[in-house]
Amino acid sequence: MFFRQLLAKDATLSYFFGCGSCHVGVAVDPVLGDEQWFIDEAAKQDVKITHIIDTHVHADHFSGGRKLAELTGAAYCLHESNADRVKYPFEALKDGQRIEVGNVLVDVIHTPGHTPDSICLVVTDKRRTEVPWFVLTGDTLFVGSAGRPDLAGQEAEMAGQLYDTLQQRLLTLPAEVELYPGHTSGSACGAGMSGKPMSTLGFEKRSNPMLSMSRDEFVTALTETIPPRPAEMDRMVAFNLGQ
């Protein structure tokens, strides 16, 4: 298995991973303008990009997912709840769906809270073990923090959804599973996140203050610490919806 993490502009983290022996790979959350990096990395690994996944319709940057799909012929994927929102065709991902990328398994978990369409990707390398190795959490869970709940409106309701998602879906994974978020410190998508671009679920359970609160405490804390809206948010959302 190969794995690459790219620190893009605005503290965004993008990912490229897959099965080198089967010559296939997956790109996750590419930023517009970074398409050539993925193409170059694919050439270095001698792999074909088969899937490009955005963990949600982003509000803080222009996605490069559709352009990269056009350049590579890969499937562009979003959660199925976007079917009535976006103005372009995409491959709809369902909760519980498994994508096989050679010896690499990618399990889709629907994780609403940051946005209604947010997903996380649980990744297993069959050549090493049958249990998950890492999870790409998008803007749902960060190192030291949690995603902002206001971008879709209804802040308190979305914060409650995010609490349920974290406690009932992500934190039920084994403690040793590595966590790779969609942003590092400096992003407008959450408050108080660490500058370290990875962690483990076990470490976050022990040290992330957002994960030790009651539901009411979590909702209050998350809605009281909402950062300013991302610059050009409306333009970015419209672009990412294809409007």
Protein backbone atom coordinates (compact mmCIF):
# COMPACT_ATOMS: atom_id res chain seq x y z
CA MET A 1 0.00 0.00 0.00
CA PHE A 2 1.14 3.55 -0.67
CA PHE A 3 -0.07 6.67 1.14
CA ARG A 4 0.54 10.36 0.51
CA GLN A 5 -0.70 13.41 2.41
CA LEU A 6 -0.63 16.85 0.75
CA LEU A 7 -0.78 20.09 2.73
CA ALA A 8 -2.66 22.36 0.33
CA LYS A 9 -3.51 26.04 0.65
CA ASP A 10 -5.67 27.32 3.50
CA ALA A 11 -4.45 24.51 5.79
CA THR A 12 -6.34 21.89 3.76
CA LEU A 13 -5.11 18.29 3.79
CA SER A 14 -5.61 16.11 0.71
CA TYR A 15 -4.80 12.41 0.32
CA PHE A 16 -3.69 9.90 -2.29
CA PHE A 17 -3.42 6.21 -1.46
CA GLY A 18 -3.97 2.81 -2.97
CA CYS A 19 -2.54 -0.54 -3.98
CA GLY A 20 0.79 -0.35 -5.77
CA SER A 21 0.86 -4.04 -6.69
CA CYS A 22 -2.51 -3.74 -8.43
CA HIS A 23 -1.66 -0.29 -9.86
CA VAL A 24 -4.77 1.54 -8.61
CA GLY A 25 -5.26 4.56 -6.35
CA VAL A 26 -7.80 6.90 -4.74
CA ALA A 27 -7.60 10.70 -4.39
CA VAL A 28 -9.48 12.34 -1.52
CA ASP A 29 -10.40 16.03 -1.16
CA PRO A 30 -8.15 17.47 -3.90
CA VAL A 31 -7.99 21.27 -4.07
CA LEU A 32 -8.43 23.08 -7.39
CA GLY A 33 -4.97 23.76 -8.82
CA ASP A 34 -3.38 20.66 -7.27
CA GLU A 35 -4.48 18.23 -9.99
CA GLN A 36 -0.98 17.87 -11.44
CA TRP A 37 0.40 16.78 -8.04
CA PHE A 38 -1.96 13.79 -8.04
CA ILE A 39 -1.15 12.97 -11.66
CA ASP A 40 2.58 13.13 -10.93
CA GLU A 41 2.23 10.98 -7.80
CA ALA A 42 0.22 8.42 -9.75
CA ALA A 43 2.99 8.27 -12.35
CA LYS A 44 5.63 7.81 -9.64
CA GLN A 45 3.67 4.92 -8.15
CA ASP A 46 2.75 3.52 -11.60
CA VAL A 47 -0.94 3.51 -10.69
CA LYS A 48 -4.21 4.56 -12.29
CA ILE A 49 -6.47 6.88 -10.28
CA THR A 50 -9.80 5.02 -10.21
CA HIS A 51 -11.77 7.07 -7.67
CA ILE A 52 -11.78 10.71 -6.58
CA ILE A 53 -13.78 11.32 -3.40
CA ASP A 54 -14.81 14.57 -1.78
CA THR A 55 -15.78 13.95 1.84
CA HIS A 56 -18.48 16.64 1.47
CA VAL A 57 -19.34 19.66 -0.65
CA HIS A 58 -16.68 22.03 0.63
CA ALA A 59 -17.33 25.59 1.75
CA ASP A 60 -13.74 26.69 2.41
CA HIS A 61 -12.00 25.91 -0.88
CA PHE A 62 -12.65 25.21 -4.55
CA SER A 63 -12.61 21.46 -5.09
CA GLY A 64 -10.36 20.04 -7.76
CA GLY A 65 -12.24 16.75 -7.75
CA ARG A 66 -14.23 17.17 -10.95
CA LYS A 67 -11.29 18.56 -12.91
CA LEU A 68 -9.03 15.74 -11.76
CA ALA A 69 -11.72 13.25 -12.78
CA GLU A 70 -11.87 14.82 -16.26
CA LEU A 71 -8.10 14.61 -16.61
CA THR A 72 -7.79 11.00 -15.43
CA GLY A 73 -11.08 9.34 -16.32
CA ALA A 74 -11.63 8.41 -12.67
CA ALA A 75 -15.05 8.27 -11.03
CA TYR A 76 -15.90 11.41 -9.06
CA CYS A 77 -17.71 10.47 -5.85
CA LEU A 78 -19.89 12.24 -3.28
CA HIS A 79 -22.41 11.05 -0.71
CA GLU A 80 -25.76 10.15 -2.25
CA SER A 81 -27.57 12.93 -0.35
CA ASN A 82 -26.16 15.40 -2.88
CA ALA A 83 -28.25 13.99 -5.74
CA ASP A 84 -30.73 16.86 -5.66
CA ARG A 85 -28.14 19.55 -4.92
CA VAL A 86 -25.32 19.33 -7.43
CA LYS A 87 -25.66 20.19 -11.10
CA TYR A 88 -23.38 17.50 -12.53
CA PRO A 89 -23.24 13.69 -12.59
CA PHE A 90 -21.30 11.89 -9.88
CA GLU A 91 -20.97 8.40 -8.43
CA ALA A 92 -23.20 8.29 -5.36
CA LEU A 93 -21.70 6.72 -2.25
CA LYS A 94 -23.91 5.06 0.36
CA ASP A 95 -23.36 4.53 4.06
CA GLY A 96 -21.73 1.13 4.55
CA GLN A 97 -20.54 0.87 0.96
CA ARG A 98 -17.17 -0.77 0.37
CA ILE A 99 -14.84 0.28 -2.44
CA GLU A 100 -12.16 -2.26 -3.36
CA VAL A 101 -8.94 -0.73 -4.66
CA GLY A 102 -6.75 -3.75 -5.27
CA ASN A 103 -5.73 -5.03 -1.83
CA VAL A 104 -7.03 -1.85 -0.19
CA LEU A 105 -10.57 -1.64 1.17
CA VAL A 106 -12.34 1.71 1.63
CA ASP A 107 -15.49 1.62 3.77
CA VAL A 108 -17.81 4.64 3.56
CA ILE A 109 -19.39 5.95 6.77
CA HIS A 110 -22.04 8.67 6.59
CA THR A 111 -21.06 11.14 9.32
CA PRO A 112 -23.44 14.15 9.31
CA GLY A 113 -22.81 17.12 11.57
CA HIS A 114 -20.29 19.39 9.91
CA THR A 115 -22.55 19.17 6.85
CA PRO A 116 -25.46 16.83 6.13
CA ASP A 117 -23.51 15.03 3.40
CA SER A 118 -20.23 14.49 5.26
CA ILE A 119 -18.59 11.08 5.03
CA CYS A 120 -15.52 9.46 6.55
CA LEU A 121 -13.45 6.76 4.87
CA VAL A 122 -12.20 3.76 6.86
CA VAL A 123 -9.24 2.14 5.12
CA THR A 124 -7.90 -1.41 5.46
CA ASP A 125 -4.83 -2.97 3.84
CA LYS A 126 -5.72 -6.65 3.31
CA ARG A 127 -2.08 -7.58 2.81
CA ARG A 128 -1.36 -6.61 6.42
CA THR A 129 -4.53 -7.27 8.41
CA GLU A 130 -8.30 -7.58 8.20
CA VAL A 131 -8.94 -4.71 10.63
CA PRO A 132 -8.95 -0.99 9.72
CA TRP A 133 -5.61 0.81 9.59
CA PHE A 134 -6.72 4.45 9.35
CA VAL A 135 -9.71 6.72 8.83
CA LEU A 136 -9.91 9.89 6.75
CA THR A 137 -12.27 12.11 8.73
CA GLY A 138 -12.73 15.09 6.39
CA ASP A 139 -14.08 18.01 8.42
CA THR A 140 -15.91 15.81 10.93
CA LEU A 141 -13.11 15.24 13.46
CA PHE A 142 -9.80 17.08 13.66
CA VAL A 143 -6.72 16.55 15.78
CA GLY A 144 -7.69 18.29 19.01
CA SER A 145 -11.05 19.61 17.80
CA ALA A 146 -14.27 18.90 15.92
CA GLY A 147 -15.81 20.34 12.78
CA ARG A 148 -17.84 23.54 12.81
CA PRO A 149 -21.61 22.91 12.67
CA ASP A 150 -22.94 26.13 11.13
CA LEU A 151 -22.21 25.95 7.41
CA ALA A 152 -25.58 24.38 6.62
CA GLY A 153 -27.43 26.53 9.17
CA GLN A 154 -29.23 25.19 12.27
CA GLU A 155 -26.08 25.25 14.35
CA ALA A 156 -27.43 23.59 17.49
CA GLU A 157 -29.17 20.82 15.56
CA MET A 158 -26.08 20.11 13.47
CA ALA A 159 -23.85 20.18 16.54
CA GLY A 160 -26.09 17.54 18.12
CA GLN A 161 -25.82 15.44 14.97
CA LEU A 162 -22.05 15.79 15.06
CA TYR A 163 -21.92 14.63 18.70
CA ASP A 164 -23.96 11.54 17.81
CA THR A 165 -21.77 10.87 14.78
CA LEU A 166 -18.57 11.06 16.81
CA GLN A 167 -19.77 8.97 19.73
CA GLN A 168 -21.78 6.36 17.85
CA ARG A 169 -19.86 6.01 14.62
CA LEU A 170 -16.21 7.13 14.71
CA LEU A 171 -15.32 6.40 18.33
CA THR A 172 -16.59 2.84 18.04
CA LEU A 173 -13.61 2.06 15.79
CA PRO A 174 -10.54 0.49 17.46
CA ALA A 175 -8.40 2.93 19.46
CA GLU A 176 -5.28 2.17 17.41
CA VAL A 177 -6.88 3.33 14.14
CA GLU A 178 -4.97 6.33 12.78
CA LEU A 179 -6.87 9.55 12.16
CA TYR A 180 -6.14 11.78 9.16
CA PRO A 181 -8.29 14.95 9.08
CA GLY A 182 -9.22 17.32 6.27
CA HIS A 183 -7.48 20.30 7.86
CA THR A 184 -4.72 21.31 10.21
CA SER A 185 -4.38 24.45 12.35
CA GLY A 186 -5.04 27.69 10.50
CA SER A 187 -8.22 26.50 8.82
CA ALA A 188 -11.57 28.26 9.19
CA CYS A 189 -13.37 24.90 9.41
CA GLY A 190 -12.89 24.43 13.15
CA ALA A 191 -11.61 26.09 16.30
CA GLY A 192 -8.68 24.90 18.40
CA MET A 193 -7.33 22.24 16.06
CA SER A 194 -3.74 21.07 16.40
CA GLY A 195 -0.97 21.72 13.90
CA LYS A 196 -0.12 18.01 13.90
CA PRO A 197 -1.63 16.51 10.76
CA MET A 198 -2.50 13.08 12.18
CA SER A 199 -3.36 11.27 15.41
CA THR A 200 -5.05 8.06 16.57
CA LEU A 201 -8.61 7.64 17.76
CA GLY A 202 -7.31 6.41 21.12
CA PHE A 203 -5.18 9.49 21.65
CA GLU A 204 -8.06 11.76 20.67
CA LYS A 205 -10.41 9.96 23.06
CA ARG A 206 -7.99 10.74 25.89
CA SER A 207 -6.86 14.24 24.94
CA ASN A 208 -9.41 15.92 22.64
CA PRO A 209 -11.60 18.03 24.96
CA MET A 210 -14.56 17.81 22.59
CA LEU A 211 -14.76 14.04 23.02
CA SER A 212 -15.14 13.95 26.80
CA MET A 213 -18.18 16.22 27.05
CA SER A 214 -21.83 15.38 27.50
CA ARG A 215 -24.08 16.03 24.52
CA ASP A 216 -25.37 19.33 25.96
CA GLU A 217 -21.84 20.47 26.87
CA PHE A 218 -20.62 19.59 23.37
CA VAL A 219 -23.40 21.52 21.64
CA THR A 220 -22.81 24.57 23.82
CA ALA A 221 -19.03 24.52 23.39
CA LEU A 222 -19.16 23.97 19.64
CA THR A 223 -21.69 26.70 18.96
CA GLU A 224 -19.88 29.22 21.17
CA THR A 225 -16.54 28.85 19.36
CA ILE A 226 -17.57 29.11 15.70
CA PRO A 227 -14.85 30.84 13.62
CA PRO A 228 -15.69 33.53 11.05
CA ARG A 229 -17.18 32.29 7.80
CA PRO A 230 -14.55 31.32 5.20
CA ALA A 231 -13.68 34.05 2.72
CA GLU A 232 -15.60 33.68 -0.56
CA MET A 233 -17.68 30.91 1.00
CA ASP A 234 -20.73 31.53 -1.18
CA ARG A 235 -18.66 31.46 -4.39
CA MET A 236 -16.88 28.30 -3.29
CA VAL A 237 -20.08 26.46 -2.44
CA ALA A 238 -21.71 27.54 -5.72
CA PHE A 239 -18.66 26.33 -7.69
CA ASN A 240 -18.52 23.03 -5.84
CA LEU A 241 -22.24 22.48 -6.50
CA GLY A 242 -21.72 23.21 -10.18
CA GLN A 243 -23.93 26.30 -10.16
